[in-house]
């Protein structure tokens, strides 16, 4: 019997295991290794995509993290604190985000304002324009192609919800591993 959720419902899933670490794919729960390999290659492809999209938008000097921080700071045109950005991006290492913020400030893509002990960041007009240019490249290079894959908006939202749930499972597992 075929699985109706596969991209090719008339073909059964192959029995071979597509994993990055065979030693982690033995015994019960081996499917998690296949999921992890999928996340590894998706993570690397996404980082490469962000950097190349940003280069096409006009700035080839930003790392993937800096691009994420720029977009997050630009989101909803609201100023953000370091802790807000780290929380929303689920990043524990605040020093990496702080370094990205300093580089974006130096590149005149962000502005900052100190209020007491807090520093608030906002995209500069140049940063907002770069985010808008990125959006145009994303539309023409990614979203237009995505529309031909036959994945509905509802299905994309379900995939996103599953990824967020998996993130929570990995966060819980990392807390458990810390206590060992």
C-alpha atoms as a PDB file:
ATOM      1  CA  UNK A   1       0.000   0.000   0.000  1.00  0.00           C
ATOM      2  CA  UNK A   2       1.247   3.487  -0.795  1.00  0.00           C
ATOM      3  CA  UNK A   3       1.414   6.451   1.524  1.00  0.00           C
ATOM      4  CA  UNK A   4      -0.931   9.256   0.327  1.00  0.00           C
ATOM      5  CA  UNK A   5       1.292  11.938   1.873  1.00  0.00           C
ATOM      6  CA  UNK A   6       4.314  11.125  -0.308  1.00  0.00           C
ATOM      7  CA  UNK A   7       5.123  13.349  -3.280  1.00  0.00           C
ATOM      8  CA  UNK A   8       4.520  10.327  -5.522  1.00  0.00           C
ATOM      9  CA  UNK A   9       1.516   8.529  -3.968  1.00  0.00           C
ATOM     10  CA  UNK A  10       1.540   5.793  -6.616  1.00  0.00           C
ATOM     11  CA  UNK A  11       5.047   4.670  -5.574  1.00  0.00           C
ATOM     12  CA  UNK A  12       5.854   3.115  -2.190  1.00  0.00           C
ATOM     13  CA  UNK A  13       8.606   4.605  -0.070  1.00  0.00           C
ATOM     14  CA  UNK A  14      11.932   2.836  -0.651  1.00  0.00           C
ATOM     15  CA  UNK A  15      13.198   0.542   2.097  1.00  0.00           C
ATOM     16  CA  UNK A  16      16.733   1.947   2.042  1.00  0.00           C
ATOM     17  CA  UNK A  17      17.617   4.448   4.718  1.00  0.00           C
ATOM     18  CA  UNK A  18      18.839   7.857   3.601  1.00  0.00           C
ATOM     19  CA  UNK A  19      20.873   9.008   6.582  1.00  0.00           C
ATOM     20  CA  UNK A  20      24.139  10.833   7.260  1.00  0.00           C
ATOM     21  CA  UNK A  21      25.250   8.574  10.128  1.00  0.00           C
ATOM     22  CA  UNK A  22      24.432   4.896   9.694  1.00  0.00           C
ATOM     23  CA  UNK A  23      25.420   4.135  13.301  1.00  0.00           C
ATOM     24  CA  UNK A  24      22.550   6.385  14.461  1.00  0.00           C
ATOM     25  CA  UNK A  25      20.075   4.647  12.142  1.00  0.00           C
ATOM     26  CA  UNK A  26      20.070   1.194  13.721  1.00  0.00           C
ATOM     27  CA  UNK A  27      17.177  -0.272  15.649  1.00  0.00           C
ATOM     28  CA  UNK A  28      13.932   1.292  16.723  1.00  0.00           C
ATOM     29  CA  UNK A  29      13.416   4.919  15.773  1.00  0.00           C
ATOM     30  CA  UNK A  30      15.815   4.810  12.820  1.00  0.00           C
ATOM     31  CA  UNK A  31      13.441   7.099  10.923  1.00  0.00           C
ATOM     32  CA  UNK A  32      14.567   9.986  13.152  1.00  0.00           C
ATOM     33  CA  UNK A  33      18.012   9.695  11.537  1.00  0.00           C
ATOM     34  CA  UNK A  34      16.427  10.111   8.128  1.00  0.00           C
ATOM     35  CA  UNK A  35      14.576  13.203   9.380  1.00  0.00           C
ATOM     36  CA  UNK A  36      17.797  14.596  10.879  1.00  0.00           C
ATOM     37  CA  UNK A  37      19.642  14.118   7.606  1.00  0.00           C
ATOM     38  CA  UNK A  38      16.831  15.936   5.814  1.00  0.00           C
ATOM     39  CA  UNK A  39      17.130  18.798   8.306  1.00  0.00           C
ATOM     40  CA  UNK A  40      20.920  18.932   7.871  1.00  0.00           C
ATOM     41  CA  UNK A  41      20.757  19.270   4.107  1.00  0.00           C
ATOM     42  CA  UNK A  42      17.788  21.666   4.310  1.00  0.00           C
ATOM     43  CA  UNK A  43      19.664  23.833   6.851  1.00  0.00           C
ATOM     44  CA  UNK A  44      22.736  24.037   4.635  1.00  0.00           C
ATOM     45  CA  UNK A  45      20.680  24.669   1.490  1.00  0.00           C
ATOM     46  CA  UNK A  46      18.705  27.394   3.280  1.00  0.00           C
ATOM     47  CA  UNK A  47      21.877  29.123   4.508  1.00  0.00           C
ATOM     48  CA  UNK A  48      23.382  28.993   1.001  1.00  0.00           C
ATOM     49  CA  UNK A  49      20.110  30.315  -0.440  1.00  0.00           C
ATOM     50  CA  UNK A  50      19.930  33.249   1.989  1.00  0.00           C
ATOM     51  CA  UNK A  51      23.483  34.323   1.204  1.00  0.00           C
ATOM     52  CA  UNK A  52      23.047  34.057  -2.564  1.00  0.00           C
ATOM     53  CA  UNK A  53      19.677  35.786  -2.460  1.00  0.00           C
ATOM     54  CA  UNK A  54      21.191  38.612  -0.424  1.00  0.00           C
ATOM     55  CA  UNK A  55      24.107  38.849  -2.863  1.00  0.00           C
ATOM     56  CA  UNK A  56      21.615  39.156  -5.734  1.00  0.00           C
ATOM     57  CA  UNK A  57      19.754  41.796  -3.711  1.00  0.00           C
ATOM     58  CA  UNK A  58      22.930  43.855  -3.481  1.00  0.00           C
ATOM     59  CA  UNK A  59      25.013  42.768  -0.467  1.00  0.00           C
ATOM     60  CA  UNK A  60      27.315  39.762  -0.749  1.00  0.00           C
ATOM     61  CA  UNK A  61      29.118  40.501   2.538  1.00  0.00           C
ATOM     62  CA  UNK A  62      26.517  39.218   5.015  1.00  0.00           C
ATOM     63  CA  UNK A  63      26.563  35.821   6.705  1.00  0.00           C
ATOM     64  CA  UNK A  64      23.416  33.747   7.077  1.00  0.00           C
ATOM     65  CA  UNK A  65      23.063  34.811  10.723  1.00  0.00           C
ATOM     66  CA  UNK A  66      23.450  38.484   9.817  1.00  0.00           C
ATOM     67  CA  UNK A  67      20.752  38.102   7.174  1.00  0.00           C
ATOM     68  CA  UNK A  68      18.406  36.487   9.711  1.00  0.00           C
ATOM     69  CA  UNK A  69      19.116  39.256  12.232  1.00  0.00           C
ATOM     70  CA  UNK A  70      18.536  41.960   9.611  1.00  0.00           C
ATOM     71  CA  UNK A  71      15.191  40.458   8.534  1.00  0.00           C
ATOM     72  CA  UNK A  72      14.115  39.898  12.131  1.00  0.00           C
ATOM     73  CA  UNK A  73      14.979  43.475  13.059  1.00  0.00           C
ATOM     74  CA  UNK A  74      13.096  44.724  10.005  1.00  0.00           C
ATOM     75  CA  UNK A  75      10.019  42.641  10.827  1.00  0.00           C
ATOM     76  CA  UNK A  76       6.898  44.695  11.521  1.00  0.00           C
ATOM     77  CA  UNK A  77       9.008  47.878  11.497  1.00  0.00           C
ATOM     78  CA  UNK A  78       9.424  47.596  15.267  1.00  0.00           C
ATOM     79  CA  UNK A  79      12.606  48.172  17.190  1.00  0.00           C
ATOM     80  CA  UNK A  80      14.084  45.122  18.895  1.00  0.00           C
ATOM     81  CA  UNK A  81      16.472  44.378  21.734  1.00  0.00           C
ATOM     82  CA  UNK A  82      19.204  41.750  21.594  1.00  0.00           C
ATOM     83  CA  UNK A  83      17.134  39.490  23.846  1.00  0.00           C
ATOM     84  CA  UNK A  84      14.089  39.840  21.560  1.00  0.00           C
ATOM     85  CA  UNK A  85      16.080  38.808  18.490  1.00  0.00           C
ATOM     86  CA  UNK A  86      17.701  35.848  20.257  1.00  0.00           C
ATOM     87  CA  UNK A  87      14.336  34.682  21.592  1.00  0.00           C
ATOM     88  CA  UNK A  88      12.561  34.918  18.240  1.00  0.00           C
ATOM     89  CA  UNK A  89      15.380  33.151  16.379  1.00  0.00           C
ATOM     90  CA  UNK A  90      15.837  30.574  19.188  1.00  0.00           C
ATOM     91  CA  UNK A  91      19.528  31.405  19.598  1.00  0.00           C
ATOM     92  CA  UNK A  92      21.217  30.838  22.968  1.00  0.00           C
ATOM     93  CA  UNK A  93      24.608  32.290  22.049  1.00  0.00           C
ATOM     94  CA  UNK A  94      23.797  35.973  22.413  1.00  0.00           C
ATOM     95  CA  UNK A  95      27.378  36.963  21.607  1.00  0.00           C
ATOM     96  CA  UNK A  96      26.969  35.698  18.009  1.00  0.00           C
ATOM     97  CA  UNK A  97      23.856  37.829  17.554  1.00  0.00           C
ATOM     98  CA  UNK A  98      25.543  40.779  19.244  1.00  0.00           C
ATOM     99  CA  UNK A  99      28.451  40.475  16.794  1.00  0.00           C
ATOM    100  CA  UNK A 100      25.982  40.367  13.880  1.00  0.00           C
ATOM    101  CA  UNK A 101      24.243  43.482  15.226  1.00  0.00           C
ATOM    102  CA  UNK A 102      27.565  45.347  15.461  1.00  0.00           C
ATOM    103  CA  UNK A 103      28.458  44.410  11.883  1.00  0.00           C
ATOM    104  CA  UNK A 104      25.012  45.497  10.624  1.00  0.00           C
ATOM    105  CA  UNK A 105      25.386  48.804  12.484  1.00  0.00           C
ATOM    106  CA  UNK A 106      28.844  49.352  10.990  1.00  0.00           C
ATOM    107  CA  UNK A 107      27.392  48.631   7.518  1.00  0.00           C
ATOM    108  CA  UNK A 108      24.701  51.280   8.142  1.00  0.00           C
ATOM    109  CA  UNK A 109      21.933  48.672   7.740  1.00  0.00           C
ATOM    110  CA  UNK A 110      20.735  49.188  11.328  1.00  0.00           C
ATOM    111  CA  UNK A 111      20.516  52.051  13.777  1.00  0.00           C
ATOM    112  CA  UNK A 112      20.556  51.779  17.560  1.00  0.00           C
ATOM    113  CA  UNK A 113      19.348  53.787  20.510  1.00  0.00           C
ATOM    114  CA  UNK A 114      20.353  53.261  24.120  1.00  0.00           C
ATOM    115  CA  UNK A 115      17.648  53.687  26.759  1.00  0.00           C
ATOM    116  CA  UNK A 116      19.006  53.088  30.223  1.00  0.00           C
ATOM    117  CA  UNK A 117      20.652  49.675  30.171  1.00  0.00           C
ATOM    118  CA  UNK A 118      18.815  48.519  27.031  1.00  0.00           C
ATOM    119  CA  UNK A 119      19.844  49.037  23.415  1.00  0.00           C
ATOM    120  CA  UNK A 120      17.098  49.045  20.803  1.00  0.00           C
ATOM    121  CA  UNK A 121      17.816  48.260  17.154  1.00  0.00           C
ATOM    122  CA  UNK A 122      15.900  49.285  14.064  1.00  0.00           C
ATOM    123  CA  UNK A 123      16.599  48.918  10.361  1.00  0.00           C
ATOM    124  CA  UNK A 124      17.959  52.007   8.698  1.00  0.00           C
ATOM    125  CA  UNK A 125      16.438  53.182   5.409  1.00  0.00           C
ATOM    126  CA  UNK A 126      19.315  51.358   3.649  1.00  0.00           C
ATOM    127  CA  UNK A 127      18.593  48.175   5.624  1.00  0.00           C
ATOM    128  CA  UNK A 128      14.876  48.343   4.850  1.00  0.00           C
ATOM    129  CA  UNK A 129      15.638  48.868   1.148  1.00  0.00           C
ATOM    130  CA  UNK A 130      17.962  45.846   1.172  1.00  0.00           C
ATOM    131  CA  UNK A 131      15.233  43.723   2.789  1.00  0.00           C
ATOM    132  CA  UNK A 132      12.797  44.877   0.085  1.00  0.00           C
ATOM    133  CA  UNK A 133      15.302  43.973  -2.653  1.00  0.00           C
ATOM    134  CA  UNK A 134      15.787  40.535  -1.020  1.00  0.00           C
ATOM    135  CA  UNK A 135      12.024  40.058  -1.058  1.00  0.00           C
ATOM    136  CA  UNK A 136      11.916  40.723  -4.820  1.00  0.00           C
ATOM    137  CA  UNK A 137      14.716  38.235  -5.504  1.00  0.00           C
ATOM    138  CA  UNK A 138      12.991  35.692  -3.229  1.00  0.00           C
ATOM    139  CA  UNK A 139       9.764  36.108  -5.181  1.00  0.00           C
ATOM    140  CA  UNK A 140      11.344  35.596  -8.582  1.00  0.00           C
ATOM    141  CA  UNK A 141      13.858  32.873  -7.697  1.00  0.00           C
ATOM    142  CA  UNK A 142      12.146  30.881  -4.969  1.00  0.00           C
ATOM    143  CA  UNK A 143       8.425  31.512  -4.639  1.00  0.00           C
ATOM    144  CA  UNK A 144       7.733  31.357  -8.372  1.00  0.00           C
ATOM    145  CA  UNK A 145       9.434  27.937  -8.519  1.00  0.00           C
ATOM    146  CA  UNK A 146       7.742  26.747  -5.338  1.00  0.00           C
ATOM    147  CA  UNK A 147       4.344  27.338  -6.913  1.00  0.00           C
ATOM    148  CA  UNK A 148       5.137  24.610  -9.484  1.00  0.00           C
ATOM    149  CA  UNK A 149       5.753  21.960  -6.826  1.00  0.00           C
ATOM    150  CA  UNK A 150       2.056  21.467  -6.119  1.00  0.00           C
ATOM    151  CA  UNK A 151       2.361  22.219  -2.407  1.00  0.00           C
ATOM    152  CA  UNK A 152      -0.518  24.298  -1.121  1.00  0.00           C
ATOM    153  CA  UNK A 153      -0.226  27.119   1.379  1.00  0.00           C
ATOM    154  CA  UNK A 154      -2.045  24.922   3.906  1.00  0.00           C
ATOM    155  CA  UNK A 155       0.512  22.156   3.398  1.00  0.00           C
ATOM    156  CA  UNK A 156       3.384  24.617   3.849  1.00  0.00           C
ATOM    157  CA  UNK A 157       1.820  25.784   7.106  1.00  0.00           C
ATOM    158  CA  UNK A 158       1.499  22.153   8.283  1.00  0.00           C
ATOM    159  CA  UNK A 159       5.167  21.501   7.481  1.00  0.00           C
ATOM    160  CA  UNK A 160       6.124  24.669   9.369  1.00  0.00           C
ATOM    161  CA  UNK A 161       4.055  23.586  12.394  1.00  0.00           C
ATOM    162  CA  UNK A 162       5.732  20.173  12.350  1.00  0.00           C
ATOM    163  CA  UNK A 163       9.182  21.782  12.216  1.00  0.00           C
ATOM    164  CA  UNK A 164       8.315  24.034  15.178  1.00  0.00           C
ATOM    165  CA  UNK A 165       7.088  20.996  17.120  1.00  0.00           C
ATOM    166  CA  UNK A 166      10.324  19.132  16.295  1.00  0.00           C
ATOM    167  CA  UNK A 167      12.273  22.177  17.483  1.00  0.00           C
ATOM    168  CA  UNK A 168      10.483  21.910  20.815  1.00  0.00           C
ATOM    169  CA  UNK A 169      11.312  18.206  21.040  1.00  0.00           C
ATOM    170  CA  UNK A 170      15.001  18.913  20.355  1.00  0.00           C
ATOM    171  CA  UNK A 171      14.985  21.737  22.934  1.00  0.00           C
ATOM    172  CA  UNK A 172      13.502  19.383  25.530  1.00  0.00           C
ATOM    173  CA  UNK A 173      16.006  16.663  24.643  1.00  0.00           C
ATOM    174  CA  UNK A 174      18.892  19.143  24.958  1.00  0.00           C
ATOM    175  CA  UNK A 175      17.688  20.115  28.445  1.00  0.00           C
ATOM    176  CA  UNK A 176      17.509  16.428  29.393  1.00  0.00           C
ATOM    177  CA  UNK A 177      21.013  15.778  27.988  1.00  0.00           C
ATOM    178  CA  UNK A 178      22.383  18.704  30.005  1.00  0.00           C
ATOM    179  CA  UNK A 179      21.217  17.055  33.227  1.00  0.00           C
ATOM    180  CA  UNK A 180      23.019  13.751  32.500  1.00  0.00           C
END
